[in-house]
Every structure is written in C-alpha cells, then in structure tokens.
Amino acid sequence: MDIKNTTLDDIASVIGFSATLRLSAWFGDGSNLYVPNEIGEDHVITRLIGISAASRLSKSFGTKHLALPRISSYEND
C-alpha cells in the first residue's frame, strides 16, 4: 500500500510539528494560506511560528497557496 504525505506532513518536515499545528489552528478553515516569497518579522505567519520557521516555510513554499485542514481533522486521525 502506498501512503502519501498530507499537506501537514510536508509542512511539518520543513518547520516542525508544533509550528505546523499553530498554522493549522489559525488558518485551517478550508481557505488557502498564501506564503510570501520573502517574509518579514511583522508578518502574521512570523508572529505565530517565529522568524526561523517562517523563513524556512517561505524558502520551501514561497508564492504558494497552501490548503490547511482544520485541527479537528488531525484530532480525528
């Protein structure tokens, strides 16, 4: 059986589990989260997960729209 990574798996591999859960809690309403190509210290993503994780997220997913599931989806799994 071939099990594929979810969006949260891919994000967590870049920024870590806790930061990924914070993003999912804040943005996981079924809408898309836009990740800018360059991210500053005053950006809401940076405020949620810190500059180090935000910079890694931007480097890996910059200019992308990410569909984050609700945290309840994670809790159900």
PDB file of N, CA and C in Angstrom:
ATOM      1  N   MET A   1       0.842  -1.162   0.000  1.00  0.00           N
ATOM      2  CA  MET A   1       0.000   0.000   0.000  1.00  0.00           C
ATOM      3  C   MET A   1       0.896   1.236   0.000  1.00  0.00           C
ATOM      4  N   ASP A   2       0.580   2.179  -0.856  1.00  0.00           N
ATOM      5  CA  ASP A   2       1.342   3.419  -0.982  1.00  0.00           C
ATOM      6  C   ASP A   2       0.621   4.537  -0.236  1.00  0.00           C
ATOM      7  N   ILE A   3       1.223   5.002   0.862  1.00  0.00           N
ATOM      8  CA  ILE A   3       0.631   6.075   1.662  1.00  0.00           C
ATOM      9  C   ILE A   3       1.358   7.368   1.317  1.00  0.00           C
ATOM     10  N   LYS A   4       0.583   8.377   0.917  1.00  0.00           N
ATOM     11  CA  LYS A   4       1.169   9.658   0.526  1.00  0.00           C
ATOM     12  C   LYS A   4       1.113  10.640   1.691  1.00  0.00           C
ATOM     13  N   ASN A   5       2.080  11.551   1.702  1.00  0.00           N
ATOM     14  CA  ASN A   5       2.099  12.607   2.706  1.00  0.00           C
ATOM     15  C   ASN A   5       0.928  13.551   2.510  1.00  0.00           C
ATOM     16  N   THR A   6       0.444  14.081   3.617  1.00  0.00           N
ATOM     17  CA  THR A   6      -0.562  15.125   3.571  1.00  0.00           C
ATOM     18  C   THR A   6       0.149  16.479   3.484  1.00  0.00           C
ATOM     19  N   THR A   7      -0.615  17.523   3.273  1.00  0.00           N
ATOM     20  CA  THR A   7      -0.054  18.873   3.277  1.00  0.00           C
ATOM     21  C   THR A   7       0.624  19.151   4.613  1.00  0.00           C
ATOM     22  N   LEU A   8      -0.008  18.734   5.699  1.00  0.00           N
ATOM     23  CA  LEU A   8       0.581  18.971   7.021  1.00  0.00           C
ATOM     24  C   LEU A   8       1.887  18.208   7.199  1.00  0.00           C
ATOM     25  N   ASP A   9       1.982  17.003   6.655  1.00  0.00           N
ATOM     26  CA  ASP A   9       3.243  16.253   6.715  1.00  0.00           C
ATOM     27  C   ASP A   9       4.359  17.012   6.011  1.00  0.00           C
ATOM     28  N   ASP A  10       4.050  17.520   4.835  1.00  0.00           N
ATOM     29  CA  ASP A  10       5.049  18.248   4.053  1.00  0.00           C
ATOM     30  C   ASP A  10       5.500  19.521   4.762  1.00  0.00           C
ATOM     31  N   ILE A  11       4.550  20.240   5.342  1.00  0.00           N
ATOM     32  CA  ILE A  11       4.893  21.468   6.061  1.00  0.00           C
ATOM     33  C   ILE A  11       5.686  21.138   7.318  1.00  0.00           C
ATOM     34  N   ALA A  12       5.253  20.126   8.055  1.00  0.00           N
ATOM     35  CA  ALA A  12       5.932  19.749   9.299  1.00  0.00           C
ATOM     36  C   ALA A  12       7.369  19.317   9.055  1.00  0.00           C
ATOM     37  N   SER A  13       7.644  18.722   7.909  1.00  0.00           N
ATOM     38  CA  SER A  13       9.022  18.321   7.618  1.00  0.00           C
ATOM     39  C   SER A  13       9.933  19.531   7.449  1.00  0.00           C
ATOM     40  N   VAL A  14       9.353  20.685   7.170  1.00  0.00           N
ATOM     41  CA  VAL A  14      10.127  21.918   6.973  1.00  0.00           C
ATOM     42  C   VAL A  14      10.188  22.752   8.251  1.00  0.00           C
ATOM     43  N   ILE A  15       9.053  22.898   8.948  1.00  0.00           N
ATOM     44  CA  ILE A  15       9.019  23.829  10.083  1.00  0.00           C
ATOM     45  C   ILE A  15       8.796  23.145  11.426  1.00  0.00           C
ATOM     46  N   GLY A  16       8.534  21.853  11.442  1.00  0.00           N
ATOM     47  CA  GLY A  16       8.303  21.138  12.694  1.00  0.00           C
ATOM     48  C   GLY A  16       6.826  20.973  13.017  1.00  0.00           C
ATOM     49  N   PHE A  17       6.577  20.045  13.921  1.00  0.00           N
ATOM     50  CA  PHE A  17       5.215  19.652  14.277  1.00  0.00           C
ATOM     51  C   PHE A  17       4.452  20.772  14.979  1.00  0.00           C
ATOM     52  N   SER A  18       5.056  21.363  16.009  1.00  0.00           N
ATOM     53  CA  SER A  18       4.349  22.389  16.796  1.00  0.00           C
ATOM     54  C   SER A  18       3.997  23.611  15.958  1.00  0.00           C
ATOM     55  N   ALA A  19       4.933  24.074  15.147  1.00  0.00           N
ATOM     56  CA  ALA A  19       4.667  25.237  14.294  1.00  0.00           C
ATOM     57  C   ALA A  19       3.577  24.917  13.274  1.00  0.00           C
ATOM     58  N   THR A  20       3.578  23.710  12.766  1.00  0.00           N
ATOM     59  CA  THR A  20       2.553  23.302  11.811  1.00  0.00           C
ATOM     60  C   THR A  20       1.173  23.288  12.464  1.00  0.00           C
ATOM     61  N   LEU A  21       1.087  22.797  13.684  1.00  0.00           N
ATOM     62  CA  LEU A  21      -0.197  22.805  14.392  1.00  0.00           C
ATOM     63  C   LEU A  21      -0.671  24.222  14.654  1.00  0.00           C
ATOM     64  N   ARG A  22       0.239  25.135  14.955  1.00  0.00           N
ATOM     65  CA  ARG A  22      -0.153  26.535  15.155  1.00  0.00           C
ATOM     66  C   ARG A  22      -0.744  27.120  13.885  1.00  0.00           C
ATOM     67  N   LEU A  23      -0.102  26.846  12.744  1.00  0.00           N
ATOM     68  CA  LEU A  23      -0.632  27.343  11.469  1.00  0.00           C
ATOM     69  C   LEU A  23      -1.999  26.742  11.181  1.00  0.00           C
ATOM     70  N   SER A  24      -2.145  25.453  11.441  1.00  0.00           N
ATOM     71  CA  SER A  24      -3.410  24.784  11.185  1.00  0.00           C
ATOM     72  C   SER A  24      -4.511  25.319  12.093  1.00  0.00           C
ATOM     73  N   ALA A  25      -4.172  25.610  13.343  1.00  0.00           N
ATOM     74  CA  ALA A  25      -5.162  26.160  14.273  1.00  0.00           C
ATOM     75  C   ALA A  25      -5.613  27.545  13.832  1.00  0.00           C
ATOM     76  N   TRP A  26      -4.697  28.329  13.287  1.00  0.00           N
ATOM     77  CA  TRP A  26      -5.009  29.702  12.909  1.00  0.00           C
ATOM     78  C   TRP A  26      -5.640  29.799  11.518  1.00  0.00           C
ATOM     79  N   PHE A  27      -5.095  29.039  10.569  1.00  0.00           N
ATOM     80  CA  PHE A  27      -5.519  29.163   9.167  1.00  0.00           C
ATOM     81  C   PHE A  27      -6.297  27.963   8.640  1.00  0.00           C
ATOM     82  N   GLY A  28      -6.511  26.955   9.450  1.00  0.00           N
ATOM     83  CA  GLY A  28      -7.127  25.718   8.976  1.00  0.00           C
ATOM     84  C   GLY A  28      -8.625  25.764   8.880  1.00  0.00           C
ATOM     85  N   ASP A  29      -9.127  26.677   8.094  1.00  0.00           N
ATOM     86  CA  ASP A  29     -10.572  26.803   7.936  1.00  0.00           C
ATOM     87  C   ASP A  29     -11.032  26.414   6.540  1.00  0.00           C
ATOM     88  N   GLY A  30     -10.154  25.765   5.800  1.00  0.00           N
ATOM     89  CA  GLY A  30     -10.502  25.355   4.444  1.00  0.00           C
ATOM     90  C   GLY A  30     -10.103  26.358   3.384  1.00  0.00           C
ATOM     91  N   SER A  31      -9.690  27.545   3.799  1.00  0.00           N
ATOM     92  CA  SER A  31      -9.219  28.524   2.822  1.00  0.00           C
ATOM     93  C   SER A  31      -7.723  28.331   2.593  1.00  0.00           C
ATOM     94  N   ASN A  32      -7.197  29.019   1.633  1.00  0.00           N
ATOM     95  CA  ASN A  32      -5.782  28.891   1.310  1.00  0.00           C
ATOM     96  C   ASN A  32      -4.946  29.904   2.080  1.00  0.00           C
ATOM     97  N   LEU A  33      -3.805  29.451   2.548  1.00  0.00           N
ATOM     98  CA  LEU A  33      -2.822  30.321   3.187  1.00  0.00           C
ATOM     99  C   LEU A  33      -1.765  30.670   2.145  1.00  0.00           C
ATOM    100  N   TYR A  34      -1.624  31.952   1.847  1.00  0.00           N
ATOM    101  CA  TYR A  34      -0.591  32.383   0.910  1.00  0.00           C
ATOM    102  C   TYR A  34       0.711  32.565   1.673  1.00  0.00           C
ATOM    103  N   VAL A  35       1.765  31.925   1.164  1.00  0.00           N
ATOM    104  CA  VAL A  35       3.093  32.050   1.749  1.00  0.00           C
ATOM    105  C   VAL A  35       3.913  32.962   0.843  1.00  0.00           C
ATOM    106  N   PRO A  36       4.326  34.121   1.351  1.00  0.00           N
ATOM    107  CA  PRO A  36       5.100  35.041   0.514  1.00  0.00           C
ATOM    108  C   PRO A  36       6.501  34.507   0.245  1.00  0.00           C
ATOM    109  N   ASN A  37       7.088  34.973  -0.838  1.00  0.00           N
ATOM    110  CA  ASN A  37       8.431  34.559  -1.208  1.00  0.00           C
ATOM    111  C   ASN A  37       9.466  35.056  -0.203  1.00  0.00           C
ATOM    112  N   GLU A  38       9.237  36.235   0.341  1.00  0.00           N
ATOM    113  CA  GLU A  38      10.070  36.778   1.407  1.00  0.00           C
ATOM    114  C   GLU A  38       9.150  37.177   2.544  1.00  0.00           C
ATOM    115  N   ILE A  39       9.559  36.848   3.755  1.00  0.00           N
ATOM    116  CA  ILE A  39       8.684  37.084   4.902  1.00  0.00           C
ATOM    117  C   ILE A  39       9.431  37.901   5.951  1.00  0.00           C
ATOM    118  N   GLY A  40       8.752  38.912   6.479  1.00  0.00           N
ATOM    119  CA  GLY A  40       9.373  39.791   7.464  1.00  0.00           C
ATOM    120  C   GLY A  40       8.941  39.457   8.877  1.00  0.00           C
ATOM    121  N   GLU A  41       9.564  40.134   9.826  1.00  0.00           N
ATOM    122  CA  GLU A  41       9.281  39.888  11.237  1.00  0.00           C
ATOM    123  C   GLU A  41       7.886  40.336  11.657  1.00  0.00           C
ATOM    124  N   ASP A  42       7.274  41.234  10.895  1.00  0.00           N
ATOM    125  CA  ASP A  42       5.951  41.726  11.265  1.00  0.00           C
ATOM    126  C   ASP A  42       4.810  40.938  10.621  1.00  0.00           C
ATOM    127  N   HIS A  43       5.118  39.949   9.806  1.00  0.00           N
ATOM    128  CA  HIS A  43       4.086  39.143   9.132  1.00  0.00           C
ATOM    129  C   HIS A  43       3.388  38.242  10.148  1.00  0.00           C
ATOM    130  N   VAL A  44       2.095  38.008   9.957  1.00  0.00           N
ATOM    131  CA  VAL A  44       1.312  37.189  10.884  1.00  0.00           C
ATOM    132  C   VAL A  44       1.887  35.769  10.998  1.00  0.00           C
ATOM    133  N   ILE A  45       2.387  35.205   9.924  1.00  0.00           N
ATOM    134  CA  ILE A  45       2.990  33.865   9.988  1.00  0.00           C
ATOM    135  C   ILE A  45       4.196  33.882  10.922  1.00  0.00           C
ATOM    136  N   THR A  46       5.030  34.904  10.795  1.00  0.00           N
ATOM    137  CA  THR A  46       6.212  35.020  11.642  1.00  0.00           C
ATOM    138  C   THR A  46       5.815  35.170  13.107  1.00  0.00           C
ATOM    139  N   ARG A  47       4.783  35.939  13.344  1.00  0.00           N
ATOM    140  CA  ARG A  47       4.322  36.125  14.726  1.00  0.00           C
ATOM    141  C   ARG A  47       3.805  34.823  15.332  1.00  0.00           C
ATOM    142  N   LEU A  48       3.247  33.967  14.508  1.00  0.00           N
ATOM    143  CA  LEU A  48       2.718  32.689  15.003  1.00  0.00           C
ATOM    144  C   LEU A  48       3.794  31.642  15.245  1.00  0.00           C
ATOM    145  N   ILE A  49       4.779  31.564  14.328  1.00  0.00           N
ATOM    146  CA  ILE A  49       5.723  30.439  14.400  1.00  0.00           C
ATOM    147  C   ILE A  49       7.183  30.859  14.565  1.00  0.00           C
ATOM    148  N   GLY A  50       7.453  32.151  14.570  1.00  0.00           N
ATOM    149  CA  GLY A  50       8.828  32.609  14.735  1.00  0.00           C
ATOM    150  C   GLY A  50       9.521  32.817  13.401  1.00  0.00           C
ATOM    151  N   ILE A  51      10.553  33.654  13.420  1.00  0.00           N
ATOM    152  CA  ILE A  51      11.231  34.031  12.181  1.00  0.00           C
ATOM    153  C   ILE A  51      11.984  32.869  11.543  1.00  0.00           C
ATOM    154  N   SER A  52      12.581  32.006  12.333  1.00  0.00           N
ATOM    155  CA  SER A  52      13.342  30.887  11.779  1.00  0.00           C
ATOM    156  C   SER A  52      12.434  29.936  10.988  1.00  0.00           C
ATOM    157  N   ALA A  53      11.336  29.522  11.620  1.00  0.00           N
ATOM    158  CA  ALA A  53      10.394  28.619  10.949  1.00  0.00           C
ATOM    159  C   ALA A  53       9.712  29.309   9.775  1.00  0.00           C
ATOM    160  N   ALA A  54       9.358  30.579   9.943  1.00  0.00           N
ATOM    161  CA  ALA A  54       8.709  31.325   8.859  1.00  0.00           C
ATOM    162  C   ALA A  54       9.633  31.456   7.653  1.00  0.00           C
ATOM    163  N   SER A  55      10.903  31.683   7.902  1.00  0.00           N
ATOM    164  CA  SER A  55      11.876  31.781   6.800  1.00  0.00           C
ATOM    165  C   SER A  55      12.020  30.448   6.066  1.00  0.00           C
ATOM    166  N   ARG A  56      12.053  29.355   6.814  1.00  0.00           N
ATOM    167  CA  ARG A  56      12.129  28.025   6.176  1.00  0.00           C
ATOM    168  C   ARG A  56      10.870  27.733   5.367  1.00  0.00           C
ATOM    169  N   LEU A  57       9.704  28.118   5.919  1.00  0.00           N
ATOM    170  CA  LEU A  57       8.445  27.928   5.205  1.00  0.00           C
ATOM    171  C   LEU A  57       8.449  28.719   3.899  1.00  0.00           C
ATOM    172  N   SER A  58       8.892  29.956   3.973  1.00  0.00           N
ATOM    173  CA  SER A  58       8.946  30.816   2.795  1.00  0.00           C
ATOM    174  C   SER A  58       9.913  30.279   1.748  1.00  0.00           C
ATOM    175  N   LYS A  59      11.029  29.769   2.204  1.00  0.00           N
ATOM    176  CA  LYS A  59      12.027  29.216   1.275  1.00  0.00           C
ATOM    177  C   LYS A  59      11.476  27.986   0.535  1.00  0.00           C
ATOM    178  N   SER A  60      10.725  27.156   1.255  1.00  0.00           N
ATOM    179  CA  SER A  60      10.203  25.920   0.649  1.00  0.00           C
ATOM    180  C   SER A  60       8.880  26.094  -0.080  1.00  0.00           C
ATOM    181  N   PHE A  61       8.030  27.015   0.401  1.00  0.00           N
ATOM    182  CA  PHE A  61       6.685  27.143  -0.144  1.00  0.00           C
ATOM    183  C   PHE A  61       6.356  28.552  -0.620  1.00  0.00           C
ATOM    184  N   GLY A  62       7.361  29.403  -0.777  1.00  0.00           N
ATOM    185  CA  GLY A  62       7.129  30.787  -1.172  1.00  0.00           C
ATOM    186  C   GLY A  62       6.347  30.909  -2.465  1.00  0.00           C
ATOM    187  N   THR A  63       5.428  31.821  -2.510  1.00  0.00           N
ATOM    188  CA  THR A  63       4.489  32.123  -3.604  1.00  0.00           C
ATOM    189  C   THR A  63       3.433  31.036  -3.811  1.00  0.00           C
ATOM    190  N   LYS A  64       3.292  30.135  -2.861  1.00  0.00           N
ATOM    191  CA  LYS A  64       2.298  29.059  -2.960  1.00  0.00           C
ATOM    192  C   LYS A  64       1.106  29.371  -2.058  1.00  0.00           C
ATOM    193  N   HIS A  65      -0.032  28.827  -2.443  1.00  0.00           N
ATOM    194  CA  HIS A  65      -1.235  28.849  -1.624  1.00  0.00           C
ATOM    195  C   HIS A  65      -1.378  27.447  -1.030  1.00  0.00           C
ATOM    196  N   LEU A  66      -1.393  27.368   0.283  1.00  0.00           N
ATOM    197  CA  LEU A  66      -1.484  26.077   0.966  1.00  0.00           C
ATOM    198  C   LEU A  66      -2.875  25.909   1.563  1.00  0.00           C
ATOM    199  N   ALA A  67      -3.490  24.782   1.288  1.00  0.00           N
ATOM    200  CA  ALA A  67      -4.794  24.453   1.871  1.00  0.00           C
ATOM    201  C   ALA A  67      -4.546  23.678   3.156  1.00  0.00           C
ATOM    202  N   LEU A  68      -4.753  24.342   4.283  1.00  0.00           N
ATOM    203  CA  LEU A  68      -4.524  23.705   5.572  1.00  0.00           C
ATOM    204  C   LEU A  68      -5.831  23.165   6.124  1.00  0.00           C
ATOM    205  N   PRO A  69      -5.842  21.899   6.533  1.00  0.00           N
ATOM    206  CA  PRO A  69      -7.059  21.347   7.126  1.00  0.00           C
ATOM    207  C   PRO A  69      -7.261  21.862   8.544  1.00  0.00           C
ATOM    208  N   ARG A  70      -8.483  21.766   9.003  1.00  0.00           N
ATOM    209  CA  ARG A  70      -8.769  22.143  10.384  1.00  0.00           C
ATOM    210  C   ARG A  70      -8.043  21.183  11.334  1.00  0.00           C
ATOM    211  N   ILE A  71      -7.773  21.670  12.515  1.00  0.00           N
ATOM    212  CA  ILE A  71      -7.142  20.831  13.523  1.00  0.00           C
ATOM    213  C   ILE A  71      -8.040  19.653  13.874  1.00  0.00           C
ATOM    214  N   SER A  72      -9.344  19.822  13.800  1.00  0.00           N
ATOM    215  CA  SER A  72     -10.250  18.718  14.113  1.00  0.00           C
ATOM    216  C   SER A  72     -10.000  17.532  13.194  1.00  0.00           C
ATOM    217  N   SER A  73      -9.564  17.801  11.955  1.00  0.00           N
ATOM    218  CA  SER A  73      -9.217  16.704  11.042  1.00  0.00           C
ATOM    219  C   SER A  73      -8.053  15.916  11.612  1.00  0.00           C
ATOM    220  N   TYR A  74      -7.069  16.602  12.181  1.00  0.00           N
ATOM    221  CA  TYR A  74      -5.925  15.943  12.786  1.00  0.00           C
ATOM    222  C   TYR A  74      -6.362  15.141  14.004  1.00  0.00           C
ATOM    223  N   GLU A  75      -7.220  15.731  14.833  1.00  0.00           N
ATOM    224  CA  GLU A  75      -7.678  15.044  16.023  1.00  0.00           C
ATOM    225  C   GLU A  75      -8.447  13.776  15.678  1.00  0.00           C
ATOM    226  N   ASN A  76      -9.212  13.796  14.587  1.00  0.00           N
ATOM    227  CA  ASN A  76      -9.956  12.618  14.168  1.00  0.00           C
ATOM    228  C   ASN A  76      -9.041  11.499  13.724  1.00  0.00           C
ATOM    229  N   ASP A  77      -7.919  11.844  13.072  1.00  0.00           N
ATOM    230  CA  ASP A  77      -6.947  10.843  12.628  1.00  0.00           C
ATOM    231  C   ASP A  77      -6.289  10.192  13.823  1.00  0.00           C
TER     232      ASP A  77
END
